[in-house]
Amino acid sequence: MKNNYLKKIIVFGFIALLIMASNVPLISSTQNLSGPQENTTNKDEFSVEVTKPTRGLYINNEFFREFNFIRRGMVIGDITLEATAIDDVNGIDRVVFHAVGGWNNIQFTDEDEPYEANWTDWGPGLYHITATAWNTLNESVESINDIQIFKLG
């Protein structure tokens, strides 16, 4: 039992060193992967933001703490993706989460607040998380986060 715990601590230390050494973001937060999109809504009134995970360390879906050397979200274990979306004029129809990278690409859709997706089926690696909010006029805005995922045990 102590041996497994010690192995996990050593692996975590090694992973933290890898994160510090690889500070390059996967994709710029201003880059649009789906090409140009027409959006006639005022941007101040229509927005989405990924609120979990953010910069810092999460262990089994719980925020542990922020470290200066972690420049992106780092997750050990399962995580619930969360986003806030606002459209004061037309209302939000749905939020679509995309997780691209690591071993697989995943999509989740949530039509009700709070906008979230339980993410348990993934492999380790660097993931690009996008939350895209769609309003009732079928217009969209997106928010992008890069996170590092590890699964121990």
C-alpha atoms as a PDB file:
ATOM      1  CA  MET A   1       0.000   0.000   0.000  1.00  0.00           C
ATOM      2  CA  LYS A   2       2.755   2.479   0.948  1.00  0.00           C
ATOM      3  CA  ASN A   3       4.671   1.418  -2.144  1.00  0.00           C
ATOM      4  CA  ASN A   4       1.774   2.366  -4.471  1.00  0.00           C
ATOM      5  CA  TYR A   5       1.355   5.706  -2.704  1.00  0.00           C
ATOM      6  CA  LEU A   6       5.094   6.419  -3.056  1.00  0.00           C
ATOM      7  CA  LYS A   7       4.951   5.526  -6.770  1.00  0.00           C
ATOM      8  CA  LYS A   8       2.085   7.973  -7.288  1.00  0.00           C
ATOM      9  CA  ILE A   9       4.010  10.752  -5.532  1.00  0.00           C
ATOM     10  CA  ILE A  10       7.075  10.095  -7.696  1.00  0.00           C
ATOM     11  CA  VAL A  11       4.950  10.051 -10.866  1.00  0.00           C
ATOM     12  CA  PHE A  12       3.235  13.288  -9.835  1.00  0.00           C
ATOM     13  CA  GLY A  13       6.627  14.961  -9.242  1.00  0.00           C
ATOM     14  CA  PHE A  14       7.843  13.818 -12.638  1.00  0.00           C
ATOM     15  CA  ILE A  15       4.642  15.059 -14.284  1.00  0.00           C
ATOM     16  CA  ALA A  16       5.004  18.452 -12.603  1.00  0.00           C
ATOM     17  CA  LEU A  17       8.537  18.749 -14.004  1.00  0.00           C
ATOM     18  CA  LEU A  18       7.249  17.892 -17.485  1.00  0.00           C
ATOM     19  CA  ILE A  19       4.583  20.575 -17.190  1.00  0.00           C
ATOM     20  CA  MET A  20       7.157  23.175 -16.171  1.00  0.00           C
ATOM     21  CA  ALA A  21       9.354  22.196 -19.109  1.00  0.00           C
ATOM     22  CA  SER A  22       6.543  22.296 -21.683  1.00  0.00           C
ATOM     23  CA  ASN A  23       4.898  25.678 -21.276  1.00  0.00           C
ATOM     24  CA  VAL A  24       3.920  26.118 -24.925  1.00  0.00           C
ATOM     25  CA  PRO A  25       0.142  26.348 -25.403  1.00  0.00           C
ATOM     26  CA  LEU A  26      -1.459  23.810 -27.732  1.00  0.00           C
ATOM     27  CA  ILE A  27      -3.592  26.392 -29.559  1.00  0.00           C
ATOM     28  CA  SER A  28      -3.890  30.129 -29.155  1.00  0.00           C
ATOM     29  CA  SER A  29      -7.035  31.186 -27.307  1.00  0.00           C
ATOM     30  CA  THR A  30      -7.901  33.553 -30.154  1.00  0.00           C
ATOM     31  CA  GLN A  31      -7.641  30.943 -32.912  1.00  0.00           C
ATOM     32  CA  ASN A  32     -10.897  29.801 -34.508  1.00  0.00           C
ATOM     33  CA  LEU A  33     -10.716  26.129 -35.519  1.00  0.00           C
ATOM     34  CA  SER A  34     -14.028  25.963 -37.364  1.00  0.00           C
ATOM     35  CA  GLY A  35     -13.355  28.809 -39.801  1.00  0.00           C
ATOM     36  CA  PRO A  36     -15.035  32.193 -39.955  1.00  0.00           C
ATOM     37  CA  GLN A  37     -18.449  32.421 -38.371  1.00  0.00           C
ATOM     38  CA  GLU A  38     -20.978  35.161 -38.869  1.00  0.00           C
ATOM     39  CA  ASN A  39     -22.020  36.682 -35.577  1.00  0.00           C
ATOM     40  CA  THR A  40     -24.312  39.701 -35.606  1.00  0.00           C
ATOM     41  CA  THR A  41     -24.834  39.825 -31.837  1.00  0.00           C
ATOM     42  CA  ASN A  42     -22.942  42.387 -29.762  1.00  0.00           C
ATOM     43  CA  LYS A  43     -19.970  40.534 -28.204  1.00  0.00           C
ATOM     44  CA  ASP A  44     -20.473  42.309 -24.858  1.00  0.00           C
ATOM     45  CA  GLU A  45     -23.943  40.792 -24.627  1.00  0.00           C
ATOM     46  CA  PHE A  46     -23.027  37.302 -25.877  1.00  0.00           C
ATOM     47  CA  SER A  47     -20.159  35.403 -24.266  1.00  0.00           C
ATOM     48  CA  VAL A  48     -19.009  32.067 -22.913  1.00  0.00           C
ATOM     49  CA  GLU A  49     -16.166  31.208 -20.550  1.00  0.00           C
ATOM     50  CA  VAL A  50     -14.733  27.872 -19.427  1.00  0.00           C
ATOM     51  CA  THR A  51     -14.780  28.138 -15.621  1.00  0.00           C
ATOM     52  CA  LYS A  52     -13.527  24.647 -14.748  1.00  0.00           C
ATOM     53  CA  PRO A  53     -10.851  23.524 -15.088  1.00  0.00           C
ATOM     54  CA  THR A  54      -8.801  26.709 -15.038  1.00  0.00           C
ATOM     55  CA  ARG A  55      -5.168  27.327 -14.200  1.00  0.00           C
ATOM     56  CA  GLY A  56      -4.091  25.197 -11.266  1.00  0.00           C
ATOM     57  CA  LEU A  57      -4.212  21.615 -10.062  1.00  0.00           C
ATOM     58  CA  TYR A  58      -7.389  19.502  -9.793  1.00  0.00           C
ATOM     59  CA  ILE A  59      -7.396  16.089  -8.121  1.00  0.00           C
ATOM     60  CA  ASN A  60     -10.494  13.915  -8.720  1.00  0.00           C
ATOM     61  CA  ASN A  61     -12.648  16.904  -9.688  1.00  0.00           C
ATOM     62  CA  GLU A  62     -11.626  19.040  -6.698  1.00  0.00           C
ATOM     63  CA  PHE A  63      -9.530  22.185  -7.040  1.00  0.00           C
ATOM     64  CA  PHE A  64      -6.362  21.598  -5.060  1.00  0.00           C
ATOM     65  CA  ARG A  65      -4.505  24.870  -5.545  1.00  0.00           C
ATOM     66  CA  GLU A  66      -2.853  27.186  -8.018  1.00  0.00           C
ATOM     67  CA  PHE A  67       0.896  26.928  -8.504  1.00  0.00           C
ATOM     68  CA  ASN A  68       3.060  29.566 -10.214  1.00  0.00           C
ATOM     69  CA  PHE A  69       4.726  26.891 -12.353  1.00  0.00           C
ATOM     70  CA  ILE A  70       1.439  25.467 -13.701  1.00  0.00           C
ATOM     71  CA  ARG A  71       0.470  27.672 -16.636  1.00  0.00           C
ATOM     72  CA  ARG A  72      -2.643  25.695 -17.604  1.00  0.00           C
ATOM     73  CA  GLY A  73      -5.156  23.474 -15.849  1.00  0.00           C
ATOM     74  CA  MET A  74      -3.676  20.177 -14.696  1.00  0.00           C
ATOM     75  CA  VAL A  75      -6.057  17.339 -13.823  1.00  0.00           C
ATOM     76  CA  ILE A  76      -5.332  14.099 -12.014  1.00  0.00           C
ATOM     77  CA  GLY A  77      -8.358  11.809 -12.126  1.00  0.00           C
ATOM     78  CA  ASP A  78     -11.830  12.658 -13.426  1.00  0.00           C
ATOM     79  CA  ILE A  79     -13.098  16.220 -13.986  1.00  0.00           C
ATOM     80  CA  THR A  80     -16.389  18.024 -14.585  1.00  0.00           C
ATOM     81  CA  LEU A  81     -16.070  20.645 -17.323  1.00  0.00           C
ATOM     82  CA  GLU A  82     -17.979  23.830 -16.473  1.00  0.00           C
ATOM     83  CA  ALA A  83     -18.782  26.997 -18.404  1.00  0.00           C
ATOM     84  CA  THR A  84     -20.840  30.142 -17.981  1.00  0.00           C
ATOM     85  CA  ALA A  85     -22.701  31.520 -20.999  1.00  0.00           C
ATOM     86  CA  ILE A  86     -24.570  34.794 -21.362  1.00  0.00           C
ATOM     87  CA  ASP A  87     -26.726  36.269 -24.113  1.00  0.00           C
ATOM     88  CA  ASP A  88     -28.822  39.065 -22.607  1.00  0.00           C
ATOM     89  CA  VAL A  89     -30.738  39.668 -25.839  1.00  0.00           C
ATOM     90  CA  ASN A  90     -31.505  36.269 -27.385  1.00  0.00           C
ATOM     91  CA  GLY A  91     -30.846  33.710 -24.629  1.00  0.00           C
ATOM     92  CA  ILE A  92     -28.612  30.634 -24.650  1.00  0.00           C
ATOM     93  CA  ASP A  93     -29.843  27.527 -26.454  1.00  0.00           C
ATOM     94  CA  ARG A  94     -26.953  25.172 -25.601  1.00  0.00           C
ATOM     95  CA  VAL A  95     -23.272  24.924 -24.721  1.00  0.00           C
ATOM     96  CA  VAL A  96     -21.135  22.367 -26.530  1.00  0.00           C
ATOM     97  CA  PHE A  97     -17.862  21.216 -24.964  1.00  0.00           C
ATOM     98  CA  HIS A  98     -15.129  19.799 -27.201  1.00  0.00           C
ATOM     99  CA  ALA A  99     -12.065  18.041 -25.792  1.00  0.00           C
ATOM    100  CA  VAL A 100      -9.425  17.508 -28.473  1.00  0.00           C
ATOM    101  CA  GLY A 101      -6.033  15.898 -27.885  1.00  0.00           C
ATOM    102  CA  GLY A 102      -4.483  13.114 -25.885  1.00  0.00           C
ATOM    103  CA  TRP A 103      -5.867   9.777 -26.988  1.00  0.00           C
ATOM    104  CA  ASN A 104      -9.308  10.837 -28.168  1.00  0.00           C
ATOM    105  CA  ASN A 105     -11.655  13.667 -29.154  1.00  0.00           C
ATOM    106  CA  ILE A 106     -14.884  14.054 -27.204  1.00  0.00           C
ATOM    107  CA  GLN A 107     -17.993  16.246 -27.474  1.00  0.00           C
ATOM    108  CA  PHE A 108     -20.589  16.972 -24.774  1.00  0.00           C
ATOM    109  CA  THR A 109     -23.725  19.102 -25.099  1.00  0.00           C
ATOM    110  CA  ASP A 110     -25.649  20.711 -22.236  1.00  0.00           C
ATOM    111  CA  GLU A 111     -28.866  22.669 -22.793  1.00  0.00           C
ATOM    112  CA  ASP A 112     -29.496  23.708 -19.171  1.00  0.00           C
ATOM    113  CA  GLU A 113     -27.684  25.883 -16.653  1.00  0.00           C
ATOM    114  CA  PRO A 114     -25.312  25.222 -15.038  1.00  0.00           C
ATOM    115  CA  TYR A 115     -23.484  24.199 -18.227  1.00  0.00           C
ATOM    116  CA  GLU A 116     -21.286  21.234 -17.378  1.00  0.00           C
ATOM    117  CA  ALA A 117     -20.101  17.843 -18.581  1.00  0.00           C
ATOM    118  CA  ASN A 118     -18.738  14.960 -16.510  1.00  0.00           C
ATOM    119  CA  TRP A 119     -15.587  13.766 -18.239  1.00  0.00           C
ATOM    120  CA  THR A 120     -14.402  10.339 -17.104  1.00  0.00           C
ATOM    121  CA  ASP A 121     -13.573   8.530 -20.360  1.00  0.00           C
ATOM    122  CA  TRP A 122     -10.229   9.841 -21.553  1.00  0.00           C
ATOM    123  CA  GLY A 123      -6.556   9.034 -21.811  1.00  0.00           C
ATOM    124  CA  PRO A 124      -3.646  11.066 -20.479  1.00  0.00           C
ATOM    125  CA  GLY A 125      -2.228  13.944 -22.491  1.00  0.00           C
ATOM    126  CA  LEU A 126      -2.578  17.600 -23.370  1.00  0.00           C
ATOM    127  CA  TYR A 127      -6.165  18.532 -24.249  1.00  0.00           C
ATOM    128  CA  HIS A 128      -7.616  21.591 -25.921  1.00  0.00           C
ATOM    129  CA  ILE A 129     -10.996  22.328 -24.266  1.00  0.00           C
ATOM    130  CA  THR A 130     -13.481  24.490 -26.163  1.00  0.00           C
ATOM    131  CA  ALA A 131     -16.860  25.618 -24.863  1.00  0.00           C
ATOM    132  CA  THR A 132     -19.084  26.927 -27.656  1.00  0.00           C
ATOM    133  CA  ALA A 133     -22.287  28.718 -26.687  1.00  0.00           C
ATOM    134  CA  TRP A 134     -25.134  28.819 -29.193  1.00  0.00           C
ATOM    135  CA  ASN A 135     -27.933  31.345 -28.797  1.00  0.00           C
ATOM    136  CA  THR A 136     -31.533  30.988 -29.973  1.00  0.00           C
ATOM    137  CA  LEU A 137     -30.606  32.601 -33.336  1.00  0.00           C
ATOM    138  CA  ASN A 138     -28.052  29.788 -33.882  1.00  0.00           C
ATOM    139  CA  GLU A 139     -25.100  32.196 -33.511  1.00  0.00           C
ATOM    140  CA  SER A 140     -22.055  31.056 -31.565  1.00  0.00           C
ATOM    141  CA  VAL A 141     -19.093  32.247 -29.498  1.00  0.00           C
ATOM    142  CA  GLU A 142     -16.350  30.102 -27.975  1.00  0.00           C
ATOM    143  CA  SER A 143     -13.902  29.988 -25.109  1.00  0.00           C
ATOM    144  CA  ILE A 144     -10.715  27.910 -25.182  1.00  0.00           C
ATOM    145  CA  ASN A 145      -8.587  26.367 -22.408  1.00  0.00           C
ATOM    146  CA  ASP A 146      -5.613  24.023 -22.606  1.00  0.00           C
ATOM    147  CA  ILE A 147      -5.364  21.448 -19.836  1.00  0.00           C
ATOM    148  CA  GLN A 148      -2.982  18.631 -18.976  1.00  0.00           C
ATOM    149  CA  ILE A 149      -4.675  15.343 -18.005  1.00  0.00           C
ATOM    150  CA  PHE A 150      -3.155  12.499 -15.989  1.00  0.00           C
ATOM    151  CA  LYS A 151      -4.817   9.358 -14.756  1.00  0.00           C
ATOM    152  CA  LEU A 152      -3.107   7.554 -11.887  1.00  0.00           C
ATOM    153  CA  GLY A 153      -4.213   4.159 -10.645  1.00  0.00           C
END
